[in-house]
Amino acid sequence: MNISIEYNIIIAYLIGLFLLYFLGWLLIVPRKFLLRIIINGIIGGLILFIINLLGKSIGLYIAINPFTALVAGFLGIPGIILLIILQYIV
């Protein structure tokens, strides 16, 4: 009887450790995702700023706001092309 109790305790500890690991993983993943969004938004804003500086001579201007910065940050060059096309459509 003591042997089965010891196995139950060991199994309970293993399940508890797994749940603790899973909870820690759930808390770390959103931080990485949020940090990635922030970094991509900053990079997108910088790219848009450079495009606005270089595009002054040809009349190209894209407003820099959180939406356009995230589109440029996530999609990269295709996102910037999309924003330029949307600028001329709207």
Protein backbone atom coordinates (compact mmCIF):
# COMPACT_ATOMS: atom_id res chain seq x y z
CA MET A 1 0.00 0.00 0.00
CA ASN A 2 2.87 2.37 0.72
CA ILE A 3 4.35 1.69 -2.71
CA SER A 4 1.16 2.77 -4.55
CA ILE A 5 0.96 5.95 -2.45
CA GLU A 6 4.53 6.82 -3.39
CA TYR A 7 3.76 6.33 -7.08
CA ASN A 8 0.68 8.52 -6.76
CA ILE A 9 2.75 11.26 -5.12
CA ILE A 10 5.44 11.01 -7.81
CA ILE A 11 2.81 11.18 -10.56
CA ALA A 12 1.16 14.16 -8.87
CA TYR A 13 4.52 15.97 -8.66
CA LEU A 14 5.25 15.25 -12.32
CA ILE A 15 1.85 16.56 -13.38
CA GLY A 16 2.37 19.63 -11.18
CA LEU A 17 5.79 20.29 -12.73
CA PHE A 18 4.34 19.92 -16.22
CA LEU A 19 1.52 22.34 -15.41
CA LEU A 20 4.01 24.81 -13.92
CA TYR A 21 6.17 24.59 -17.05
CA PHE A 22 3.11 25.06 -19.28
CA LEU A 23 1.96 28.09 -17.28
CA GLY A 24 5.43 29.65 -17.51
CA TRP A 25 5.47 29.02 -21.24
CA LEU A 26 2.09 30.73 -21.63
CA LEU A 27 3.39 33.79 -19.78
CA ILE A 28 6.61 34.06 -21.83
CA VAL A 29 5.19 33.59 -25.35
CA PRO A 30 2.93 36.68 -25.32
CA ARG A 31 5.87 38.86 -24.21
CA LYS A 32 7.95 37.69 -27.14
CA PHE A 33 5.04 38.31 -29.50
CA LEU A 34 4.39 41.76 -28.05
CA LEU A 35 8.09 42.64 -28.26
CA ARG A 36 8.15 41.49 -31.89
CA ILE A 37 5.15 43.70 -32.72
CA ILE A 38 6.79 46.73 -31.07
CA ILE A 39 10.14 46.19 -32.83
CA ASN A 40 8.47 45.64 -36.22
CA GLY A 41 6.38 48.78 -35.72
CA ILE A 42 9.47 50.85 -34.94
CA ILE A 43 11.32 49.49 -37.97
CA GLY A 44 8.27 50.12 -40.16
CA GLY A 45 8.02 53.70 -38.88
CA LEU A 46 11.71 54.31 -39.64
CA ILE A 47 11.33 52.92 -43.16
CA LEU A 48 8.30 55.14 -43.75
CA PHE A 49 10.25 58.14 -42.43
CA ILE A 50 13.07 57.43 -44.88
CA ILE A 51 10.59 56.99 -47.74
CA ASN A 52 8.97 60.31 -46.84
CA LEU A 53 12.37 62.03 -46.85
CA LEU A 54 13.35 60.56 -50.21
CA GLY A 55 9.87 60.88 -51.72
CA LYS A 56 9.59 64.63 -51.07
CA SER A 57 10.97 65.46 -54.48
CA ILE A 58 8.38 63.35 -56.32
CA GLY A 59 5.43 64.21 -54.06
CA LEU A 60 5.26 60.85 -52.26
CA TYR A 61 4.11 61.07 -48.66
CA ILE A 62 2.72 58.33 -46.44
CA ALA A 63 1.37 59.32 -43.05
CA ILE A 64 3.22 57.69 -40.18
CA ASN A 65 0.79 56.30 -37.61
CA PRO A 66 0.65 53.03 -35.68
CA PHE A 67 -1.37 51.30 -38.43
CA THR A 68 0.96 52.20 -41.30
CA ALA A 69 4.05 51.47 -39.19
CA LEU A 70 2.75 47.99 -38.29
CA VAL A 71 1.77 47.26 -41.90
CA ALA A 72 5.24 48.28 -43.08
CA GLY A 73 6.87 46.39 -40.19
CA PHE A 74 4.96 43.13 -40.65
CA LEU A 75 4.79 42.97 -44.42
CA GLY A 76 8.09 44.68 -45.22
CA ILE A 77 8.55 45.86 -48.81
CA PRO A 78 5.18 44.46 -50.02
CA GLY A 79 3.50 46.34 -47.17
CA ILE A 80 5.15 49.60 -48.19
CA ILE A 81 4.09 49.04 -51.80
CA LEU A 82 0.57 48.34 -50.56
CA LEU A 83 0.56 51.61 -48.60
CA ILE A 84 1.79 53.55 -51.63
CA ILE A 85 -0.93 52.01 -53.81
CA LEU A 86 -3.57 52.77 -51.17
CA GLN A 87 -2.30 56.34 -50.99
CA TYR A 88 -2.96 56.84 -54.70
CA ILE A 89 -6.31 55.02 -54.64
CA VAL A 90 -7.71 56.96 -51.71
